[in-house]
Amino acid sequence: MIKCLIIDDEPLAVQLLADYVQKSKDLELINTFSNPIEALHFLSTQQVDLLFLDIQMPELTGIQLMKIANGKYDFILTTAYDQYALDSYNFDVIDYLLKPITLDRFMIAVEKAKKRRTSNTTPAATTEKAINKVYIFIKSGYKTLKINLSDIYHLESLGDYVAIYTAKEKILSLENMSHFEATLPEEDFIRVHRSHIIALAKIDFIERNRIVIQEKYIPISASYQQAFWARVSR
């Protein structure tokens, strides 16, 4: 169980996040704070793993709080402003959620937090295997297919199916996009739209807020722009 804290000066935002936390079997809400200084006092005496942290707050910003914390906690940032995305990734944050935050986007961030904790507690040999993962198994119809990660160009949600595009074919799976976002290695793949996940190595070029892969134009939606450009800039 991941012990978490919510720090946000907007009561409605705190209420929403607290409700989302209650819906997750992997999270335990320890406390909520509207004042970041009070939160720091609390953290000095309590064990917490993960902070859901707003950036724009009076007295102390989220960026300043992360500097003070000095790597003691994992962070998922929650904000209505996207101009801080690049700065936030200097602190190796788990995710950057742009308000209004939807439940499915919240759950994706939680999956990333679980991955981070697993990788931090897994023996070195096992971690090395995870890093060197080169294929996944996908259920397609009555078959379970083995697909090399290097063959995947992008994935697209098509109603009840997800289409996996490779150089040679399109494979349909009944798994949802959240499953693939949590399964595919995040160093190689990134979600850029509610309906699209792309392989970073397969990008031909980027034109404004569109990615071109295999002559297909893939939109980058507003809620994913910050994380995408932060990854590209790295």
Protein backbone atom coordinates (compact mmCIF):
# COMPACT_ATOMS: atom_id res chain seq x y z
CA MET A 1 0.00 0.00 0.00
CA ILE A 2 1.34 3.42 -1.01
CA LYS A 3 0.88 6.04 1.72
CA CYS A 4 0.02 9.36 0.12
CA LEU A 5 -0.59 13.00 0.97
CA ILE A 6 -2.59 15.61 -0.97
CA ILE A 7 -1.30 19.19 -0.90
CA ASP A 8 -3.48 21.69 -2.78
CA ASP A 9 -4.93 25.07 -1.84
CA GLU A 10 -8.15 24.44 -3.82
CA PRO A 11 -10.76 22.63 -1.66
CA LEU A 12 -12.58 21.18 -4.68
CA ALA A 13 -9.33 19.80 -6.08
CA VAL A 14 -8.52 18.19 -2.72
CA GLN A 15 -11.99 16.66 -2.55
CA LEU A 16 -11.71 15.26 -6.07
CA LEU A 17 -8.27 13.77 -5.50
CA ALA A 18 -9.33 12.29 -2.17
CA ASP A 19 -12.27 10.63 -3.91
CA TYR A 20 -9.95 9.22 -6.58
CA VAL A 21 -7.58 7.91 -3.91
CA GLN A 22 -10.47 6.08 -2.25
CA LYS A 23 -11.21 4.38 -5.57
CA SER A 24 -7.66 2.98 -5.78
CA LYS A 25 -6.86 -0.23 -3.92
CA ASP A 26 -3.15 0.66 -3.98
CA LEU A 27 -3.31 4.01 -2.16
CA GLU A 28 -3.81 4.96 1.48
CA LEU A 29 -4.62 8.62 2.12
CA ILE A 30 -2.74 9.78 5.23
CA ASN A 31 -3.82 13.43 5.24
CA THR A 32 -4.67 16.46 3.11
CA PHE A 33 -3.34 20.02 3.38
CA SER A 34 -4.20 23.36 1.80
CA ASN A 35 -1.11 24.95 3.33
CA PRO A 36 2.24 23.55 2.11
CA ILE A 37 4.13 24.76 5.20
CA GLU A 38 1.77 22.84 7.47
CA ALA A 39 2.30 19.84 5.23
CA LEU A 40 6.07 20.08 5.71
CA HIS A 41 5.63 20.12 9.49
CA PHE A 42 3.46 17.02 9.22
CA LEU A 43 5.99 15.25 6.97
CA SER A 44 8.76 15.83 9.50
CA THR A 45 7.09 13.35 11.87
CA GLN A 46 5.11 11.01 9.59
CA GLN A 47 6.00 8.31 7.07
CA VAL A 48 4.63 9.11 3.60
CA ASP A 49 5.59 7.62 0.22
CA LEU A 50 3.82 9.76 -2.38
CA LEU A 51 2.71 13.40 -2.58
CA PHE A 52 -0.02 14.68 -4.88
CA LEU A 53 1.26 18.23 -5.09
CA ASP A 54 -0.14 21.40 -6.61
CA ILE A 55 2.44 23.81 -8.04
CA GLN A 56 0.83 27.24 -7.68
CA MET A 57 0.19 27.77 -3.96
CA PRO A 58 0.57 30.77 -1.62
CA GLU A 59 3.61 31.04 0.66
CA LEU A 60 5.41 28.06 -0.92
CA THR A 61 5.19 26.71 -4.46
CA GLY A 62 5.24 23.04 -5.32
CA ILE A 63 8.66 23.47 -6.95
CA GLN A 64 10.04 25.02 -3.76
CA LEU A 65 8.55 22.24 -1.65
CA MET A 66 10.21 19.60 -3.84
CA LYS A 67 13.56 21.35 -3.38
CA ILE A 68 13.10 21.28 0.39
CA ALA A 69 12.06 17.62 0.32
CA ASN A 70 15.34 16.82 -1.47
CA GLY A 71 14.27 13.50 -2.98
CA LYS A 72 12.63 12.01 0.13
CA TYR A 73 9.28 11.36 -1.59
CA ASP A 74 7.74 10.50 -4.92
CA PHE A 75 5.68 13.27 -6.52
CA ILE A 76 2.69 13.45 -8.82
CA LEU A 77 2.07 17.08 -9.71
CA THR A 78 -1.47 18.42 -10.09
CA THR A 79 -1.88 21.84 -11.64
CA ALA A 80 -3.94 24.01 -13.92
CA TYR A 81 -0.77 25.50 -15.43
CA ASP A 82 1.43 23.80 -18.01
CA GLN A 83 4.39 26.22 -18.04
CA TYR A 84 6.08 24.42 -15.15
CA ALA A 85 6.27 21.03 -16.85
CA LEU A 86 9.93 21.23 -17.83
CA ASP A 87 11.03 22.49 -14.41
CA SER A 88 9.12 19.72 -12.66
CA TYR A 89 10.89 16.96 -14.56
CA ASN A 90 14.20 18.10 -13.09
CA PHE A 91 12.90 16.50 -9.88
CA ASP A 92 12.13 13.15 -11.58
CA VAL A 93 8.42 13.46 -10.84
CA ILE A 94 6.29 10.40 -11.57
CA ASP A 95 3.65 12.27 -13.54
CA TYR A 96 2.26 15.71 -14.31
CA LEU A 97 -1.55 15.91 -14.22
CA LEU A 98 -3.24 18.89 -15.80
CA LYS A 99 -6.52 20.01 -14.21
CA PRO A 100 -9.33 19.13 -14.61
CA ILE A 101 -8.03 15.64 -13.80
CA THR A 102 -10.03 12.66 -15.01
CA LEU A 103 -10.19 9.36 -13.13
CA ASP A 104 -8.58 7.35 -15.93
CA ARG A 105 -5.65 9.78 -16.15
CA PHE A 106 -5.28 9.65 -12.35
CA MET A 107 -5.19 5.84 -12.40
CA ILE A 108 -2.48 5.88 -15.06
CA ALA A 109 -0.36 8.05 -12.77
CA VAL A 110 -0.95 5.60 -9.91
CA GLU A 111 0.24 2.73 -12.11
CA LYS A 112 3.43 4.69 -12.79
CA ALA A 113 3.89 5.20 -9.04
CA LYS A 114 3.50 1.45 -8.49
CA LYS A 115 6.10 0.78 -11.19
CA ARG A 116 8.53 3.19 -9.55
CA ARG A 117 8.17 1.51 -6.16
CA THR A 118 8.51 -1.96 -7.67
CA SER A 119 11.67 -1.01 -9.52
CA ASN A 120 13.11 0.49 -6.33
CA THR A 121 12.50 -2.70 -4.34
CA THR A 122 13.24 -5.34 -6.98
CA PRO A 123 16.58 -7.17 -6.81
CA ALA A 124 19.13 -5.92 -9.33
CA ALA A 125 19.01 -9.02 -11.54
CA THR A 126 15.22 -8.83 -11.86
CA THR A 127 15.33 -5.11 -12.54
CA GLU A 128 17.86 -5.66 -15.31
CA LYS A 129 15.52 -8.14 -16.97
CA ALA A 130 12.66 -5.63 -16.84
CA ILE A 131 14.82 -2.96 -18.40
CA ASN A 132 15.88 -5.29 -21.19
CA LYS A 133 12.34 -6.44 -21.97
CA VAL A 134 12.10 -6.84 -25.74
CA TYR A 135 8.62 -8.28 -26.31
CA ILE A 136 5.10 -8.49 -24.92
CA PHE A 137 2.24 -10.95 -25.30
CA ILE A 138 -1.07 -9.62 -26.61
CA LYS A 139 -4.45 -11.34 -26.72
CA SER A 140 -5.94 -10.99 -30.19
CA GLY A 141 -9.10 -12.96 -30.91
CA TYR A 142 -8.49 -16.56 -29.87
CA LYS A 143 -4.72 -16.17 -30.05
CA THR A 144 -2.05 -14.81 -27.74
CA LEU A 145 0.58 -13.17 -29.92
CA LYS A 146 4.18 -12.40 -29.11
CA ILE A 147 5.16 -8.97 -30.45
CA ASN A 148 8.64 -7.52 -30.36
CA LEU A 149 8.59 -4.02 -28.86
CA SER A 150 10.93 -2.81 -31.59
CA ASP A 151 8.26 -3.70 -34.19
CA ILE A 152 5.57 -1.48 -32.65
CA TYR A 153 5.12 1.96 -34.25
CA HIS A 154 2.02 3.20 -32.47
CA LEU A 155 -1.26 2.12 -30.87
CA GLU A 156 -4.71 3.53 -31.51
CA SER A 157 -7.98 3.10 -29.63
CA LEU A 158 -10.77 2.01 -31.96
CA GLY A 159 -13.91 1.71 -29.86
CA ASP A 160 -13.84 -1.68 -28.14
CA TYR A 161 -10.43 -2.52 -29.62
CA VAL A 162 -6.89 -1.20 -29.58
CA ALA A 163 -4.99 -1.41 -32.85
CA ILE A 164 -1.25 -2.11 -32.63
CA TYR A 165 0.52 -0.93 -35.78
CA THR A 166 3.77 -2.54 -36.91
CA ALA A 167 5.67 -2.17 -40.16
CA LYS A 168 3.85 -5.19 -41.62
CA GLU A 169 0.39 -5.36 -40.04
CA LYS A 170 -2.33 -3.99 -37.78
CA ILE A 171 -3.16 -6.21 -34.78
CA LEU A 172 -6.42 -5.79 -32.88
CA SER A 173 -6.57 -6.39 -29.12
CA LEU A 174 -9.45 -6.28 -26.65
CA GLU A 175 -7.17 -4.77 -23.98
CA ASN A 176 -7.71 -1.06 -23.29
CA MET A 177 -5.28 1.83 -23.69
CA SER A 178 -4.65 2.13 -19.94
CA HIS A 179 -3.45 -1.48 -19.92
CA PHE A 180 -0.92 -0.79 -22.66
CA GLU A 181 0.24 2.48 -21.09
CA ALA A 182 0.98 0.61 -17.87
CA THR A 183 2.56 -2.39 -19.66
CA LEU A 184 4.79 -0.79 -22.30
CA PRO A 185 8.17 0.50 -21.06
CA GLU A 186 7.78 4.23 -20.44
CA GLU A 187 11.31 4.98 -21.62
CA ASP A 188 10.27 3.86 -25.14
CA PHE A 189 6.54 4.63 -25.39
CA ILE A 190 4.39 7.60 -24.41
CA ARG A 191 0.70 8.40 -24.56
CA VAL A 192 0.02 11.56 -26.53
CA HIS A 193 -3.75 11.45 -26.81
CA ARG A 194 -6.69 9.63 -25.24
CA SER A 195 -6.66 7.39 -28.33
CA HIS A 196 -2.94 7.20 -29.18
CA ILE A 197 0.31 5.79 -27.75
CA ILE A 198 3.44 6.17 -29.84
CA ALA A 199 6.92 4.67 -29.92
CA LEU A 200 9.36 7.56 -29.53
CA ALA A 201 11.97 5.90 -31.74
CA LYS A 202 9.48 5.64 -34.62
CA ILE A 203 8.69 9.36 -34.90
CA ASP A 204 9.45 10.68 -38.38
CA PHE A 205 8.90 14.30 -37.43
CA ILE A 206 6.73 16.60 -35.30
CA GLU A 207 4.66 19.35 -36.87
CA ARG A 208 3.19 21.74 -34.32
CA ASN A 209 0.96 19.52 -32.18
CA ARG A 210 1.02 16.55 -34.50
CA ILE A 211 3.39 13.59 -34.72
CA VAL A 212 4.03 11.84 -38.02
CA ILE A 213 4.71 8.09 -38.01
CA GLN A 214 4.46 5.95 -41.14
CA GLU A 215 2.91 8.96 -42.96
CA LYS A 216 0.10 9.01 -40.37
CA TYR A 217 -0.61 12.24 -38.49
CA ILE A 218 -1.21 11.62 -34.79
CA PRO A 219 -2.54 14.51 -32.64
CA ILE A 220 -1.00 15.53 -29.32
CA SER A 221 -3.91 16.49 -27.07
CA ALA A 222 -3.67 19.35 -24.57
CA SER A 223 -3.67 17.07 -21.51
CA TYR A 224 -0.59 15.18 -22.72
CA GLN A 225 1.43 18.01 -24.29
CA GLN A 226 3.50 18.86 -21.20
CA ALA A 227 4.71 15.33 -20.57
CA PHE A 228 5.40 14.75 -24.26
CA TRP A 229 7.48 17.89 -24.78
CA ALA A 230 9.33 17.28 -21.52
CA ARG A 231 10.28 13.82 -22.78
CA VAL A 232 11.32 15.11 -26.20
CA SER A 233 13.42 17.86 -24.63
CA ARG A 234 15.32 15.26 -22.62
